[in-house]
């Protein structure tokens, strides 16, 4: 029995020596594989860049029942002409889902947002407003009866409130944006003279006057108003 015990002990020593020699090699190899695994997985969340489609400036969609209607994913806008004067009443309905079918009828409900053509100065005061279009959650209104000093009004349909207003001259431009930007000419307080308005005498001979305008850009994403550094002299009624 003692001889067998010594034989087992010797074998155990040999096995232990083999394990002792092999273990660092195995550990080194496993460490390399683990490091590769860590390098691959420990990079934080993967960010995927998604390019949004440009938001469309929706103009008149269709006409029905004497109204003009705009059908969008989140809103259904109904516009009717004011029978008493120039201008339009505007009614915004909020859709529960993009496939909701809303009739093109001007029928005011509790959850709707209505922008009347009348102003606050009395029942005979009218804003002569016209819907230019809808951009994302913004509703753009053109206001006025003459080409000079027309109103550019922007409403936020989520807040149900006006978020921007300015005046512009519509003699040669509309409020259609280029991408996310609306560009327009705005009258300044500068006095027109022979130096800044070479055509002033021509304009006066036509029975009018002259005005100095500056070009403005309105970013519909941020509602930031920026003067572009361009000026011009235009005919004034």
Protein backbone atom coordinates (compact mmCIF):
# COMPACT_ATOMS: atom_id res chain seq x y z
CA UNK A 1 0.00 0.00 0.00
CA UNK A 2 2.83 2.42 0.79
CA UNK A 3 4.40 1.84 -2.66
CA UNK A 4 1.08 2.52 -4.40
CA UNK A 5 0.65 5.68 -2.34
CA UNK A 6 4.08 6.91 -3.39
CA UNK A 7 3.25 6.16 -7.04
CA UNK A 8 0.03 8.20 -6.83
CA UNK A 9 1.87 11.02 -5.14
CA UNK A 10 4.51 11.12 -7.85
CA UNK A 11 1.84 11.14 -10.54
CA UNK A 12 0.01 13.90 -8.74
CA UNK A 13 3.18 15.96 -8.66
CA UNK A 14 3.68 15.45 -12.36
CA UNK A 15 0.10 16.47 -13.08
CA UNK A 16 0.39 19.46 -10.80
CA UNK A 17 3.57 20.54 -12.58
CA UNK A 18 1.86 20.24 -15.95
CA UNK A 19 -1.07 22.33 -14.72
CA UNK A 20 1.33 24.84 -13.18
CA UNK A 21 3.18 25.26 -16.47
CA UNK A 22 0.08 25.26 -18.67
CA UNK A 23 -2.07 27.58 -16.56
CA UNK A 24 -0.27 30.86 -17.40
CA UNK A 25 -0.41 30.01 -21.09
CA UNK A 26 -4.13 29.26 -20.91
CA UNK A 27 -4.78 32.34 -18.79
CA UNK A 28 -2.83 34.54 -21.20
CA UNK A 29 -4.82 33.20 -24.15
CA UNK A 30 -8.14 33.64 -22.34
CA UNK A 31 -7.12 37.15 -21.32
CA UNK A 32 -6.51 38.12 -24.94
CA UNK A 33 -9.91 36.76 -25.97
CA UNK A 34 -11.61 38.56 -23.09
CA UNK A 35 -9.91 41.81 -24.00
CA UNK A 36 -11.14 41.43 -27.56
CA UNK A 37 -14.63 40.87 -26.21
CA UNK A 38 -14.41 43.94 -23.97
CA UNK A 39 -13.03 46.07 -26.80
CA UNK A 40 -15.97 45.04 -28.94
CA UNK A 41 -18.77 45.47 -26.45
CA UNK A 42 -17.64 48.28 -24.17
CA UNK A 43 -18.21 51.10 -26.61
CA UNK A 44 -21.41 52.48 -25.15
CA UNK A 45 -24.71 52.64 -27.01
CA UNK A 46 -24.59 52.58 -30.78
CA UNK A 47 -25.93 55.82 -32.23
CA UNK A 48 -27.76 55.63 -35.54
CA UNK A 49 -27.94 58.84 -37.53
CA UNK A 50 -31.37 59.24 -39.08
CA UNK A 51 -31.83 61.99 -41.62
CA UNK A 52 -35.28 63.50 -41.27
CA UNK A 53 -37.21 64.25 -44.41
CA UNK A 54 -37.64 67.97 -44.97
CA UNK A 55 -40.91 69.19 -43.53
CA UNK A 56 -43.37 70.20 -46.18
CA UNK A 57 -45.03 73.59 -46.31
CA UNK A 58 -48.59 72.43 -46.92
CA UNK A 59 -50.73 74.70 -49.04
CA UNK A 60 -54.34 74.18 -50.10
CA UNK A 61 -55.13 70.48 -50.17
CA UNK A 62 -58.67 70.38 -51.53
CA UNK A 63 -61.89 72.41 -51.63
CA UNK A 64 -65.32 71.18 -50.56
CA UNK A 65 -68.58 72.73 -49.35
CA UNK A 66 -67.23 76.18 -50.15
CA UNK A 67 -64.25 75.64 -47.81
CA UNK A 68 -60.57 75.02 -48.41
CA UNK A 69 -59.20 72.14 -46.36
CA UNK A 70 -55.72 70.95 -45.42
CA UNK A 71 -55.38 67.32 -44.33
CA UNK A 72 -52.16 66.55 -42.43
CA UNK A 73 -50.91 63.86 -40.08
CA UNK A 74 -51.73 65.77 -36.88
CA UNK A 75 -54.14 68.48 -38.00
CA UNK A 76 -57.10 69.10 -40.23
CA UNK A 77 -57.43 72.78 -41.11
CA UNK A 78 -60.62 74.26 -42.55
CA UNK A 79 -60.65 77.73 -44.10
CA UNK A 80 -63.78 79.62 -45.11
CA UNK A 81 -64.12 83.01 -46.74
CA UNK A 82 -65.58 85.70 -44.52
CA UNK A 83 -68.83 86.74 -46.20
CA UNK A 84 -68.75 90.26 -44.74
CA UNK A 85 -65.30 91.39 -45.89
CA UNK A 86 -61.97 90.33 -47.34
CA UNK A 87 -60.28 87.61 -45.38
CA UNK A 88 -60.82 84.12 -44.05
CA UNK A 89 -61.81 82.39 -40.84
CA UNK A 90 -59.47 79.53 -39.93
CA UNK A 91 -60.42 76.44 -37.93
CA UNK A 92 -57.88 73.86 -36.77
CA UNK A 93 -58.99 70.40 -35.70
CA UNK A 94 -56.61 68.08 -33.86
CA UNK A 95 -56.49 64.53 -35.18
CA UNK A 96 -56.38 61.53 -32.85
CA UNK A 97 -54.44 59.58 -35.47
CA UNK A 98 -53.18 60.33 -38.95
CA UNK A 99 -55.87 58.19 -40.59
CA UNK A 100 -58.76 59.96 -38.88
CA UNK A 101 -61.35 61.10 -41.41
CA UNK A 102 -62.64 64.62 -40.71
CA UNK A 103 -65.26 66.24 -42.96
CA UNK A 104 -64.48 69.52 -44.67
CA UNK A 105 -67.18 71.35 -42.72
CA UNK A 106 -66.59 74.53 -40.73
CA UNK A 107 -68.10 73.31 -37.46
CA UNK A 108 -66.49 74.61 -34.25
CA UNK A 109 -66.01 72.09 -31.44
CA UNK A 110 -64.61 72.49 -27.94
CA UNK A 111 -61.14 71.13 -28.68
CA UNK A 112 -60.69 73.13 -31.90
CA UNK A 113 -58.51 76.20 -32.36
CA UNK A 114 -60.25 79.01 -34.25
CA UNK A 115 -58.62 82.13 -35.66
CA UNK A 116 -61.36 84.55 -36.65
CA UNK A 117 -60.92 87.16 -39.32
CA UNK A 118 -62.29 89.88 -37.03
CA UNK A 119 -60.00 91.97 -34.81
CA UNK A 120 -60.45 93.33 -31.30
CA UNK A 121 -61.47 96.88 -32.27
CA UNK A 122 -65.10 96.05 -32.89
CA UNK A 123 -67.45 93.99 -35.07
CA UNK A 124 -66.64 96.05 -38.19
CA UNK A 125 -62.87 95.59 -37.86
CA UNK A 126 -61.43 92.88 -40.06
CA UNK A 127 -57.90 91.56 -40.30
CA UNK A 128 -58.17 90.49 -43.95
CA UNK A 129 -56.20 87.37 -43.07
CA UNK A 130 -55.43 84.53 -45.46
CA UNK A 131 -53.84 81.21 -44.66
CA UNK A 132 -50.51 80.88 -46.48
CA UNK A 133 -49.81 77.34 -45.34
CA UNK A 134 -48.88 74.98 -42.53
CA UNK A 135 -45.32 73.99 -41.68
CA UNK A 136 -44.96 71.20 -39.13
CA UNK A 137 -46.74 72.63 -36.03
CA UNK A 138 -46.76 76.21 -37.34
CA UNK A 139 -49.58 77.95 -39.16
CA UNK A 140 -48.54 80.90 -41.34
CA UNK A 141 -50.97 83.73 -42.07
CA UNK A 142 -50.75 86.58 -44.58
CA UNK A 143 -52.69 89.63 -43.44
CA UNK A 144 -53.68 92.83 -45.24
CA UNK A 145 -55.39 94.33 -48.27
CA UNK A 146 -52.50 96.23 -49.89
CA UNK A 147 -49.08 95.07 -51.11
CA UNK A 148 -47.33 97.27 -48.53
CA UNK A 149 -46.81 96.50 -44.85
CA UNK A 150 -48.77 93.30 -44.89
CA UNK A 151 -48.82 91.16 -41.78
CA UNK A 152 -46.76 87.98 -41.50
CA UNK A 153 -48.28 86.06 -38.59
CA UNK A 154 -47.19 82.66 -37.27
CA UNK A 155 -49.23 80.57 -34.82
CA UNK A 156 -48.00 77.58 -32.84
CA UNK A 157 -50.71 74.93 -33.12
CA UNK A 158 -49.55 73.12 -29.99
CA UNK A 159 -49.58 76.25 -27.81
CA UNK A 160 -52.61 77.67 -29.66
CA UNK A 161 -51.01 81.09 -29.63
CA UNK A 162 -49.22 83.59 -31.86
CA UNK A 163 -45.45 83.12 -31.73
CA UNK A 164 -44.24 85.55 -34.40
CA UNK A 165 -45.47 88.67 -36.20
CA UNK A 166 -43.87 91.12 -38.59
CA UNK A 167 -44.74 93.22 -41.63
CA UNK A 168 -43.60 92.63 -45.17
CA UNK A 169 -44.11 93.99 -48.67
CA UNK A 170 -45.65 91.56 -51.11
CA UNK A 171 -45.07 93.39 -54.40
CA UNK A 172 -42.64 90.77 -55.67
CA UNK A 173 -42.55 87.91 -53.18
CA UNK A 174 -44.91 85.57 -51.38
CA UNK A 175 -44.58 83.77 -48.06
CA UNK A 176 -43.62 80.43 -49.60
CA UNK A 177 -40.49 79.20 -47.80
CA UNK A 178 -37.37 77.87 -49.43
CA UNK A 179 -36.70 74.83 -47.30
CA UNK A 180 -37.17 76.01 -43.71
CA UNK A 181 -36.67 79.73 -44.49
CA UNK A 182 -39.14 82.46 -45.42
CA UNK A 183 -37.45 85.49 -46.99
CA UNK A 184 -39.23 88.83 -47.37
CA UNK A 185 -38.70 92.59 -47.67
CA UNK A 186 -39.48 94.76 -44.66
CA UNK A 187 -39.87 98.56 -44.64
CA UNK A 188 -37.31 100.50 -42.62
CA UNK A 189 -37.49 103.95 -41.02
CA UNK A 190 -34.79 105.27 -43.36
CA UNK A 191 -35.84 108.25 -45.47
CA UNK A 192 -35.49 107.76 -49.20
CA UNK A 193 -33.33 110.34 -51.01
CA UNK A 194 -31.32 110.72 -54.20
CA UNK A 195 -28.36 108.85 -52.70
CA UNK A 196 -30.11 105.70 -51.49
CA UNK A 197 -32.94 105.74 -54.04
CA UNK A 198 -31.91 106.68 -57.61
CA UNK A 199 -35.52 106.23 -58.83
CA UNK A 200 -37.12 108.51 -56.26
CA UNK A 201 -38.05 111.19 -58.81
CA UNK A 202 -39.52 108.56 -61.11
CA UNK A 203 -41.63 107.19 -58.28
CA UNK A 204 -42.79 110.70 -57.33
CA UNK A 205 -43.76 111.43 -60.93
CA UNK A 206 -46.08 108.44 -60.77
CA UNK A 207 -47.93 110.03 -57.89
CA UNK A 208 -46.39 107.95 -55.14
CA UNK A 209 -43.28 107.96 -53.05
CA UNK A 210 -40.30 105.81 -52.21
CA UNK A 211 -39.42 103.59 -49.27
CA UNK A 212 -36.25 101.84 -48.16
CA UNK A 213 -36.60 98.12 -47.46
CA UNK A 214 -34.31 95.54 -45.90
CA UNK A 215 -34.36 91.83 -46.63
CA UNK A 216 -35.30 89.53 -43.74
CA UNK A 217 -35.13 85.78 -43.28
CA UNK A 218 -37.33 83.86 -40.86
CA UNK A 219 -36.18 80.39 -39.81
CA UNK A 220 -39.31 78.32 -39.28
CA UNK A 221 -37.43 75.80 -37.14
CA UNK A 222 -36.25 78.33 -34.55
CA UNK A 223 -38.41 81.39 -35.43
CA UNK A 224 -35.19 83.38 -35.54
CA UNK A 225 -35.50 86.64 -37.51
CA UNK A 226 -32.35 87.80 -39.27
CA UNK A 227 -31.52 90.85 -41.36
CA UNK A 228 -29.54 89.73 -44.40
CA UNK A 229 -27.74 93.02 -45.04
CA UNK A 230 -29.53 93.72 -48.32
CA UNK A 231 -31.47 96.94 -48.89
CA UNK A 232 -33.43 98.38 -51.77
CA UNK A 233 -35.63 101.32 -52.68
CA UNK A 234 -39.19 100.56 -53.80
CA UNK A 235 -42.24 102.42 -54.97
CA UNK A 236 -44.62 103.43 -52.19
CA UNK A 237 -48.30 104.13 -52.66
